[in-house]
Amino acid sequence: MHTAIQYKPDENGKFIPVGIVDTTGADPVPIDDPAALRQLAYIAEADVFRDQAVSYDAEAKALAEEGDEQAAHTATAKAVQARANYIAKKREIRERYPDAAAPMAVPEAAPEQYAVMPTGTYHRPGCSSITDAAELMTLDEIAAGIPDARPCGRCNPPELRKEA
C-alpha cells in the first residue's frame, strides 16, 4: 500500500495538509487532526529513508556485478546512512508518540494489510518487530498463502480464519 499526504489551498493560496491518500486507488480520507497529520508526516519521512536504503542496496549490487567496486562501495555507504536515518526517525516517532500502540497507519480505506515476516509471523502495521524483509498482505492472503502463519505476540493482530 502506498500513501501520500493530500494538500489543498487555503484562503491565502497556501497549501495545507488535509488528509492522507492511498495511492493504490482508494479515495482520500480527510484527517482534521493536525497532530495526526504531523505523525503521518514523520512516518512518511521514515519510509523515504527506508526506500532510499533499499534503492542504494540494489544499486550497490548492480554496480558490484558490473565490476565497479568503488561505486558499489559508495552506494553501500549511502544505504548504511539511509538505514541509520530510518532507525533514528523511527526512534523519534516512538519518543514523540509514546501513547500510540503503534505508529499511525493508513486509515482503513482498503482491507487492512499486515506485515508478514519470512518466519511466518504476521504483525500489525507499525509493530516494532517488523524488519525490511516483511511483505504486506491481507489476512485472507496470509491464510491462503501461508498455512502455518502465526500472529505476533507483541502487537496481537487478529487470528486467521481457518477454513474447515
N, C-alpha and C. Protein backbone atom coordinates (compact mmCIF):
# COMPACT_ATOMS: atom_id res chain seq x y z
N MET A 1 0.84 -1.16 0.00
CA MET A 1 0.00 0.00 0.00
C MET A 1 0.89 1.23 0.00
N HIS A 2 0.62 2.18 -0.85
CA HIS A 2 1.39 3.40 -0.93
C HIS A 2 0.49 4.56 -0.53
N THR A 3 1.03 5.49 0.25
CA THR A 3 0.24 6.61 0.72
C THR A 3 0.96 7.92 0.45
N ALA A 4 0.18 8.99 0.47
CA ALA A 4 0.73 10.33 0.32
C ALA A 4 -0.17 11.29 1.09
N ILE A 5 0.40 12.37 1.58
CA ILE A 5 -0.40 13.37 2.27
C ILE A 5 -1.08 14.23 1.21
N GLN A 6 -2.38 14.49 1.42
CA GLN A 6 -3.17 15.30 0.48
C GLN A 6 -3.14 16.75 0.96
N TYR A 7 -2.95 17.67 0.02
CA TYR A 7 -2.91 19.10 0.33
C TYR A 7 -4.02 19.81 -0.43
N LYS A 8 -4.48 20.95 0.12
CA LYS A 8 -5.40 21.82 -0.61
C LYS A 8 -5.06 23.26 -0.26
N PRO A 9 -5.36 24.19 -1.15
CA PRO A 9 -5.03 25.59 -0.87
C PRO A 9 -6.01 26.18 0.15
N ASP A 10 -5.48 27.02 1.06
CA ASP A 10 -6.36 27.74 1.98
C ASP A 10 -6.79 29.04 1.32
N GLU A 11 -7.44 29.92 2.07
CA GLU A 11 -7.95 31.17 1.50
C GLU A 11 -6.85 32.08 1.00
N ASN A 12 -5.62 31.90 1.47
CA ASN A 12 -4.48 32.72 1.04
C ASN A 12 -3.69 32.07 -0.09
N GLY A 13 -4.13 30.90 -0.54
CA GLY A 13 -3.43 30.21 -1.60
C GLY A 13 -2.29 29.34 -1.11
N LYS A 14 -2.08 29.29 0.22
CA LYS A 14 -1.02 28.44 0.78
C LYS A 14 -1.56 27.02 0.89
N PHE A 15 -0.76 26.03 0.46
CA PHE A 15 -1.21 24.65 0.53
C PHE A 15 -1.04 24.11 1.94
N ILE A 16 -2.11 23.50 2.45
CA ILE A 16 -2.09 22.93 3.80
C ILE A 16 -2.46 21.45 3.72
N PRO A 17 -1.90 20.62 4.61
CA PRO A 17 -2.26 19.19 4.60
C PRO A 17 -3.69 19.01 5.11
N VAL A 18 -4.45 18.18 4.43
CA VAL A 18 -5.85 17.96 4.82
C VAL A 18 -6.19 16.49 5.00
N GLY A 19 -5.31 15.58 4.63
CA GLY A 19 -5.64 14.17 4.77
C GLY A 19 -4.54 13.31 4.19
N ILE A 20 -4.86 12.04 4.10
CA ILE A 20 -3.92 11.08 3.54
C ILE A 20 -4.60 10.37 2.38
N VAL A 21 -3.82 10.07 1.37
CA VAL A 21 -4.34 9.43 0.17
C VAL A 21 -3.68 8.07 0.02
N ASP A 22 -4.51 7.06 -0.19
CA ASP A 22 -3.99 5.74 -0.54
C ASP A 22 -3.81 5.78 -2.05
N THR A 23 -2.58 5.84 -2.51
CA THR A 23 -2.33 6.00 -3.94
C THR A 23 -2.49 4.70 -4.71
N THR A 24 -2.93 3.65 -4.05
CA THR A 24 -3.20 2.41 -4.76
C THR A 24 -4.62 2.38 -5.30
N GLY A 25 -5.39 3.45 -5.12
CA GLY A 25 -6.70 3.52 -5.75
C GLY A 25 -7.85 3.95 -4.88
N ALA A 26 -7.72 3.93 -3.55
CA ALA A 26 -8.83 4.31 -2.70
C ALA A 26 -9.00 5.83 -2.69
N ASP A 27 -10.21 6.27 -2.32
CA ASP A 27 -10.49 7.70 -2.21
C ASP A 27 -9.74 8.27 -1.01
N PRO A 28 -9.39 9.58 -1.05
CA PRO A 28 -8.69 10.19 0.07
C PRO A 28 -9.55 10.16 1.34
N VAL A 29 -8.89 9.99 2.47
CA VAL A 29 -9.56 10.01 3.75
C VAL A 29 -9.12 11.28 4.46
N PRO A 30 -10.05 12.25 4.65
CA PRO A 30 -9.64 13.51 5.29
C PRO A 30 -9.27 13.29 6.76
N ILE A 31 -8.23 14.01 7.19
CA ILE A 31 -7.80 13.95 8.58
C ILE A 31 -7.75 15.39 9.07
N ASP A 32 -8.59 15.70 10.06
CA ASP A 32 -8.69 17.06 10.57
C ASP A 32 -7.73 17.35 11.71
N ASP A 33 -7.17 16.34 12.31
CA ASP A 33 -6.31 16.50 13.47
C ASP A 33 -4.88 16.83 13.05
N PRO A 34 -4.40 18.06 13.33
CA PRO A 34 -3.04 18.43 12.94
C PRO A 34 -1.97 17.53 13.54
N ALA A 35 -2.19 17.07 14.77
CA ALA A 35 -1.19 16.18 15.41
C ALA A 35 -1.10 14.86 14.66
N ALA A 36 -2.24 14.34 14.21
CA ALA A 36 -2.22 13.09 13.44
C ALA A 36 -1.52 13.30 12.11
N LEU A 37 -1.73 14.45 11.49
CA LEU A 37 -1.04 14.74 10.23
C LEU A 37 0.47 14.86 10.43
N ARG A 38 0.88 15.46 11.55
CA ARG A 38 2.32 15.55 11.84
C ARG A 38 2.90 14.16 12.03
N GLN A 39 2.17 13.30 12.74
CA GLN A 39 2.64 11.94 12.96
C GLN A 39 2.77 11.22 11.62
N LEU A 40 1.80 11.40 10.74
CA LEU A 40 1.87 10.77 9.41
C LEU A 40 3.05 11.31 8.61
N ALA A 41 3.34 12.59 8.76
CA ALA A 41 4.49 13.17 8.04
C ALA A 41 5.80 12.56 8.53
N TYR A 42 5.93 12.35 9.85
CA TYR A 42 7.12 11.68 10.39
C TYR A 42 7.24 10.27 9.83
N ILE A 43 6.13 9.56 9.80
CA ILE A 43 6.14 8.19 9.28
C ILE A 43 6.53 8.19 7.80
N ALA A 44 5.97 9.13 7.03
CA ALA A 44 6.30 9.20 5.61
C ALA A 44 7.79 9.51 5.42
N GLU A 45 8.34 10.37 6.27
CA GLU A 45 9.76 10.69 6.17
C GLU A 45 10.61 9.45 6.48
N ALA A 46 10.20 8.68 7.49
CA ALA A 46 10.91 7.44 7.80
C ALA A 46 10.84 6.49 6.62
N ASP A 47 9.68 6.40 5.99
CA ASP A 47 9.52 5.50 4.85
C ASP A 47 10.43 5.90 3.68
N VAL A 48 10.65 7.19 3.50
CA VAL A 48 11.55 7.66 2.45
C VAL A 48 12.96 7.16 2.72
N PHE A 49 13.41 7.24 3.97
CA PHE A 49 14.75 6.73 4.32
C PHE A 49 14.84 5.23 4.05
N ARG A 50 13.79 4.48 4.43
CA ARG A 50 13.79 3.03 4.20
C ARG A 50 13.87 2.74 2.70
N ASP A 51 13.07 3.46 1.91
CA ASP A 51 13.08 3.24 0.47
C ASP A 51 14.43 3.60 -0.14
N GLN A 52 15.08 4.65 0.37
CA GLN A 52 16.41 5.01 -0.11
C GLN A 52 17.40 3.89 0.17
N ALA A 53 17.33 3.31 1.36
CA ALA A 53 18.26 2.22 1.70
C ALA A 53 18.08 1.05 0.75
N VAL A 54 16.85 0.69 0.47
CA VAL A 54 16.57 -0.42 -0.44
C VAL A 54 17.11 -0.10 -1.83
N SER A 55 16.89 1.14 -2.28
CA SER A 55 17.36 1.55 -3.60
C SER A 55 18.89 1.53 -3.69
N TYR A 56 19.56 2.07 -2.67
CA TYR A 56 21.02 2.07 -2.68
C TYR A 56 21.58 0.65 -2.61
N ASP A 57 20.92 -0.23 -1.86
CA ASP A 57 21.36 -1.63 -1.81
C ASP A 57 21.30 -2.27 -3.20
N ALA A 58 20.19 -2.02 -3.91
CA ALA A 58 20.05 -2.57 -5.26
C ALA A 58 21.09 -1.98 -6.20
N GLU A 59 21.35 -0.68 -6.05
CA GLU A 59 22.36 -0.03 -6.89
C GLU A 59 23.75 -0.62 -6.61
N ALA A 60 24.05 -0.82 -5.34
CA ALA A 60 25.36 -1.39 -4.97
C ALA A 60 25.52 -2.78 -5.55
N LYS A 61 24.48 -3.57 -5.50
CA LYS A 61 24.55 -4.93 -6.03
C LYS A 61 24.78 -4.90 -7.54
N ALA A 62 24.05 -4.03 -8.24
CA ALA A 62 24.22 -3.93 -9.70
C ALA A 62 25.62 -3.46 -10.06
N LEU A 63 26.13 -2.48 -9.33
CA LEU A 63 27.47 -1.96 -9.61
C LEU A 63 28.55 -3.01 -9.33
N ALA A 64 28.35 -3.78 -8.26
CA ALA A 64 29.31 -4.84 -7.94
C ALA A 64 29.33 -5.89 -9.04
N GLU A 65 28.15 -6.23 -9.56
CA GLU A 65 28.07 -7.21 -10.65
C GLU A 65 28.74 -6.70 -11.91
N GLU A 66 28.72 -5.36 -12.10
CA GLU A 66 29.38 -4.76 -13.26
C GLU A 66 30.89 -4.62 -13.03
N GLY A 67 31.33 -4.85 -11.80
CA GLY A 67 32.76 -4.77 -11.51
C GLY A 67 33.23 -3.41 -11.03
N ASP A 68 32.33 -2.47 -10.82
CA ASP A 68 32.70 -1.14 -10.34
C ASP A 68 32.67 -1.12 -8.82
N GLU A 69 33.73 -1.63 -8.21
CA GLU A 69 33.77 -1.81 -6.76
C GLU A 69 33.72 -0.50 -5.99
N GLN A 70 34.38 0.54 -6.50
CA GLN A 70 34.38 1.81 -5.78
C GLN A 70 32.98 2.41 -5.75
N ALA A 71 32.28 2.41 -6.87
CA ALA A 71 30.92 2.93 -6.91
C ALA A 71 29.98 2.06 -6.06
N ALA A 72 30.21 0.75 -6.07
CA ALA A 72 29.41 -0.16 -5.24
C ALA A 72 29.62 0.15 -3.76
N HIS A 73 30.88 0.41 -3.39
CA HIS A 73 31.19 0.75 -2.00
C HIS A 73 30.49 2.06 -1.60
N THR A 74 30.49 3.05 -2.49
CA THR A 74 29.83 4.32 -2.22
C THR A 74 28.33 4.12 -2.04
N ALA A 75 27.71 3.33 -2.91
CA ALA A 75 26.28 3.06 -2.80
C ALA A 75 25.96 2.31 -1.51
N THR A 76 26.83 1.38 -1.12
CA THR A 76 26.64 0.65 0.14
C THR A 76 26.71 1.61 1.33
N ALA A 77 27.66 2.54 1.30
CA ALA A 77 27.78 3.52 2.38
C ALA A 77 26.52 4.39 2.45
N LYS A 78 25.98 4.77 1.30
CA LYS A 78 24.74 5.55 1.28
C LYS A 78 23.58 4.74 1.84
N ALA A 79 23.55 3.45 1.55
CA ALA A 79 22.49 2.58 2.08
C ALA A 79 22.59 2.49 3.60
N VAL A 80 23.81 2.36 4.10
CA VAL A 80 24.02 2.30 5.56
C VAL A 80 23.54 3.60 6.21
N GLN A 81 23.87 4.74 5.60
CA GLN A 81 23.45 6.03 6.16
C GLN A 81 21.93 6.17 6.11
N ALA A 82 21.32 5.76 5.00
CA ALA A 82 19.86 5.84 4.89
C ALA A 82 19.19 4.94 5.93
N ARG A 83 19.75 3.76 6.16
CA ARG A 83 19.20 2.85 7.17
C ARG A 83 19.34 3.47 8.57
N ALA A 84 20.47 4.11 8.84
CA ALA A 84 20.66 4.78 10.13
C ALA A 84 19.65 5.92 10.30
N ASN A 85 19.41 6.67 9.23
CA ASN A 85 18.41 7.75 9.28
C ASN A 85 17.02 7.18 9.55
N TYR A 86 16.72 6.04 8.91
CA TYR A 86 15.43 5.39 9.10
C TYR A 86 15.26 4.97 10.57
N ILE A 87 16.26 4.34 11.13
CA ILE A 87 16.19 3.89 12.53
C ILE A 87 16.05 5.09 13.46
N ALA A 88 16.79 6.15 13.20
CA ALA A 88 16.70 7.35 14.04
C ALA A 88 15.32 7.98 13.95
N LYS A 89 14.74 8.03 12.76
CA LYS A 89 13.41 8.62 12.59
C LYS A 89 12.36 7.77 13.28
N LYS A 90 12.46 6.43 13.18
CA LYS A 90 11.51 5.56 13.87
C LYS A 90 11.62 5.75 15.38
N ARG A 91 12.85 5.91 15.89
CA ARG A 91 13.04 6.15 17.33
C ARG A 91 12.39 7.49 17.71
N GLU A 92 12.57 8.50 16.88
CA GLU A 92 11.98 9.81 17.16
C GLU A 92 10.45 9.71 17.18
N ILE A 93 9.88 8.94 16.27
CA ILE A 93 8.43 8.76 16.24
C ILE A 93 7.97 8.11 17.54
N ARG A 94 8.66 7.06 17.98
CA ARG A 94 8.28 6.39 19.24
C ARG A 94 8.38 7.35 20.43
N GLU A 95 9.40 8.23 20.42
CA GLU A 95 9.56 9.17 21.52
C GLU A 95 8.50 10.26 21.49
N ARG A 96 8.15 10.74 20.31
CA ARG A 96 7.15 11.80 20.19
C ARG A 96 5.73 11.30 20.43
N TYR A 97 5.47 10.05 20.11
CA TYR A 97 4.12 9.49 20.20
C TYR A 97 4.14 8.22 21.06
N PRO A 98 4.54 8.34 22.34
CA PRO A 98 4.67 7.14 23.17
C PRO A 98 3.34 6.48 23.49
N ASP A 99 2.25 7.23 23.47
CA ASP A 99 0.95 6.67 23.83
C ASP A 99 0.31 5.88 22.69
N ALA A 100 0.84 6.04 21.50
CA ALA A 100 0.29 5.30 20.36
C ALA A 100 0.72 3.84 20.50
N ALA A 101 -0.26 2.92 20.40
CA ALA A 101 0.07 1.49 20.48
C ALA A 101 1.02 1.12 19.37
N ALA A 102 0.83 1.73 18.21
CA ALA A 102 1.72 1.56 17.08
C ALA A 102 1.68 2.87 16.32
N PRO A 103 2.75 3.22 15.61
CA PRO A 103 2.69 4.43 14.81
C PRO A 103 1.47 4.40 13.91
N MET A 104 0.86 5.54 13.73
CA MET A 104 -0.39 5.62 13.00
C MET A 104 -0.22 5.08 11.58
N ALA A 105 -1.09 4.22 11.18
CA ALA A 105 -1.05 3.66 9.85
C ALA A 105 -2.10 4.34 8.99
N VAL A 106 -2.22 3.90 7.77
CA VAL A 106 -3.20 4.46 6.85
C VAL A 106 -4.60 4.20 7.40
N PRO A 107 -5.48 5.21 7.43
CA PRO A 107 -6.85 4.96 7.85
C PRO A 107 -7.46 3.87 6.98
N GLU A 108 -8.38 3.13 7.54
CA GLU A 108 -8.90 1.95 6.88
C GLU A 108 -9.81 2.29 5.71
N ALA A 109 -9.23 2.54 4.57
CA ALA A 109 -9.99 2.76 3.36
C ALA A 109 -10.02 1.48 2.53
N ALA A 110 -9.00 0.68 2.67
CA ALA A 110 -8.87 -0.59 1.95
C ALA A 110 -8.73 -1.69 3.00
N PRO A 111 -8.81 -2.96 2.58
CA PRO A 111 -8.60 -4.02 3.57
C PRO A 111 -7.26 -3.83 4.26
N GLU A 112 -7.26 -3.99 5.58
CA GLU A 112 -6.02 -3.79 6.35
C GLU A 112 -4.98 -4.80 5.92
N GLN A 113 -3.76 -4.31 5.79
CA GLN A 113 -2.66 -5.18 5.43
C GLN A 113 -1.77 -5.36 6.65
N TYR A 114 -1.17 -6.53 6.72
CA TYR A 114 -0.30 -6.88 7.83
C TYR A 114 1.07 -7.23 7.27
N ALA A 115 2.09 -7.00 8.07
CA ALA A 115 3.46 -7.29 7.66
C ALA A 115 3.76 -8.75 7.99
N VAL A 116 4.14 -9.51 6.97
CA VAL A 116 4.45 -10.93 7.15
C VAL A 116 5.96 -11.10 7.04
N MET A 117 6.54 -11.67 8.09
CA MET A 117 7.97 -11.89 8.12
C MET A 117 8.30 -13.23 7.46
N PRO A 118 9.53 -13.42 6.99
CA PRO A 118 9.91 -14.70 6.38
C PRO A 118 9.73 -15.89 7.33
N THR A 119 9.68 -15.61 8.64
CA THR A 119 9.48 -16.69 9.62
C THR A 119 8.04 -17.17 9.68
N GLY A 120 7.11 -16.44 9.04
CA GLY A 120 5.70 -16.81 9.07
C GLY A 120 4.90 -16.04 10.10
N THR A 121 5.55 -15.19 10.88
CA THR A 121 4.85 -14.37 11.87
C THR A 121 4.30 -13.13 11.16
N TYR A 122 3.03 -12.77 11.47
CA TYR A 122 2.48 -11.56 10.88
C TYR A 122 2.19 -10.53 11.96
N HIS A 123 2.27 -9.24 11.56
CA HIS A 123 2.26 -8.12 12.51
C HIS A 123 1.34 -7.01 12.04
N ARG A 124 0.84 -6.24 13.01
CA ARG A 124 0.09 -5.02 12.69
C ARG A 124 1.08 -4.00 12.12
N PRO A 125 0.60 -3.07 11.26
CA PRO A 125 1.50 -2.01 10.78
C PRO A 125 2.07 -1.23 11.97
N GLY A 126 3.34 -0.95 11.93
CA GLY A 126 3.99 -0.19 12.98
C GLY A 126 4.56 -1.00 14.12
N CYS A 127 4.37 -2.31 14.12
CA CYS A 127 4.92 -3.16 15.19
C CYS A 127 6.45 -3.04 15.17
N SER A 128 7.05 -2.96 16.34
CA SER A 128 8.50 -2.80 16.41
C SER A 128 9.26 -4.06 16.00
N SER A 129 8.55 -5.18 15.84
CA SER A 129 9.22 -6.43 15.42
C SER A 129 9.40 -6.53 13.92
N ILE A 130 8.82 -5.61 13.16
CA ILE A 130 8.87 -5.68 11.70
C ILE A 130 10.26 -5.26 11.21
N THR A 131 10.78 -5.99 10.24
CA THR A 131 12.04 -5.62 9.59
C THR A 131 11.77 -5.34 8.12
N ASP A 132 12.81 -4.94 7.41
CA ASP A 132 12.67 -4.64 5.98
C ASP A 132 12.33 -5.88 5.16
N ALA A 133 12.50 -7.06 5.72
CA ALA A 133 12.22 -8.29 4.99
C ALA A 133 10.73 -8.62 4.94
N ALA A 134 9.90 -7.83 5.62
CA ALA A 134 8.47 -8.10 5.68
C ALA A 134 7.79 -7.83 4.34
N GLU A 135 6.71 -8.57 4.11
CA GLU A 135 5.88 -8.39 2.92
C GLU A 135 4.47 -8.06 3.40
N LEU A 136 3.81 -7.06 2.78
CA LEU A 136 2.46 -6.68 3.17
C LEU A 136 1.43 -7.58 2.51
N MET A 137 0.49 -8.07 3.34
CA MET A 137 -0.58 -8.96 2.85
C MET A 137 -1.83 -8.73 3.69
N THR A 138 -3.02 -9.02 3.11
CA THR A 138 -4.25 -9.00 3.88
C THR A 138 -4.35 -10.32 4.65
N LEU A 139 -5.26 -10.37 5.61
CA LEU A 139 -5.44 -11.61 6.38
C LEU A 139 -5.84 -12.76 5.46
N ASP A 140 -6.70 -12.49 4.47
CA ASP A 140 -7.11 -13.55 3.55
C ASP A 140 -5.92 -14.07 2.73
N GLU A 141 -5.04 -13.16 2.29
CA GLU A 141 -3.86 -13.57 1.54
C GLU A 141 -2.91 -14.40 2.41
N ILE A 142 -2.79 -13.99 3.67
CA ILE A 142 -1.93 -14.74 4.59
C ILE A 142 -2.48 -16.14 4.80
N ALA A 143 -3.80 -16.23 5.06
CA ALA A 143 -4.43 -17.53 5.30
C ALA A 143 -4.32 -18.44 4.09
N ALA A 144 -4.45 -17.87 2.89
CA ALA A 144 -4.39 -18.68 1.67
C ALA A 144 -2.96 -19.08 1.30
N GLY A 145 -2.00 -18.20 1.56
CA GLY A 145 -0.64 -18.45 1.09
C GLY A 145 0.34 -18.99 2.10
N ILE A 146 0.05 -18.80 3.39
CA ILE A 146 0.99 -19.23 4.43
C ILE A 146 0.20 -20.02 5.48
N PRO A 147 0.04 -21.32 5.26
CA PRO A 147 -0.83 -22.11 6.14
C PRO A 147 -0.40 -22.16 7.61
N ASP A 148 0.91 -22.02 7.89
CA ASP A 148 1.37 -22.10 9.28
C ASP A 148 1.68 -20.72 9.87
N ALA A 149 1.10 -19.66 9.28
CA ALA A 149 1.34 -18.30 9.79
C ALA A 149 0.79 -18.17 11.20
N ARG A 150 1.48 -17.35 12.01
CA ARG A 150 1.05 -17.16 13.39
C ARG A 150 1.14 -15.67 13.74
N PRO A 151 0.24 -15.20 14.61
CA PRO A 151 0.23 -13.77 14.97
C PRO A 151 1.39 -13.41 15.90
N CYS A 152 1.81 -12.17 15.82
CA CYS A 152 2.86 -11.64 16.70
C CYS A 152 2.32 -11.58 18.13
N GLY A 153 3.13 -11.94 19.08
CA GLY A 153 2.74 -11.85 20.48
C GLY A 153 2.83 -10.45 21.04
N ARG A 154 3.54 -9.54 20.35
CA ARG A 154 3.71 -8.18 20.83
C ARG A 154 2.55 -7.28 20.41
N CYS A 155 2.19 -7.29 19.11
CA CYS A 155 1.15 -6.37 18.61
C CYS A 155 -0.23 -7.03 18.53
N ASN A 156 -0.30 -8.34 18.69
CA ASN A 156 -1.55 -9.10 18.73
C ASN A 156 -2.51 -8.80 17.58
N PRO A 157 -2.11 -9.10 16.34
CA PRO A 157 -3.05 -8.92 15.22
C PRO A 157 -4.16 -9.96 15.32
N PRO A 158 -5.25 -9.79 14.57
CA PRO A 158 -6.35 -10.75 14.63
C PRO A 158 -5.90 -12.14 14.20
N GLU A 159 -6.54 -13.14 14.77
CA GLU A 159 -6.28 -14.53 14.38
C GLU A 159 -6.78 -14.75 12.96
N LEU A 160 -6.12 -15.66 12.25
CA LEU A 160 -6.56 -16.02 10.91
C LEU A 160 -7.80 -16.90 11.01
N ARG A 161 -8.71 -16.72 10.04
CA ARG A 161 -9.87 -17.61 9.98
C ARG A 161 -9.43 -18.87 9.30
N LYS A 162 -9.60 -19.96 9.97
CA LYS A 162 -9.23 -21.27 9.42
C LYS A 162 -10.42 -21.85 8.68
N GLU A 163 -10.20 -22.21 7.41
CA GLU A 163 -11.26 -22.84 6.62
C GLU A 163 -11.31 -24.31 7.00
N ALA A 164 -12.51 -24.82 7.20
CA ALA A 164 -12.65 -26.22 7.61
C ALA A 164 -12.78 -27.12 6.41
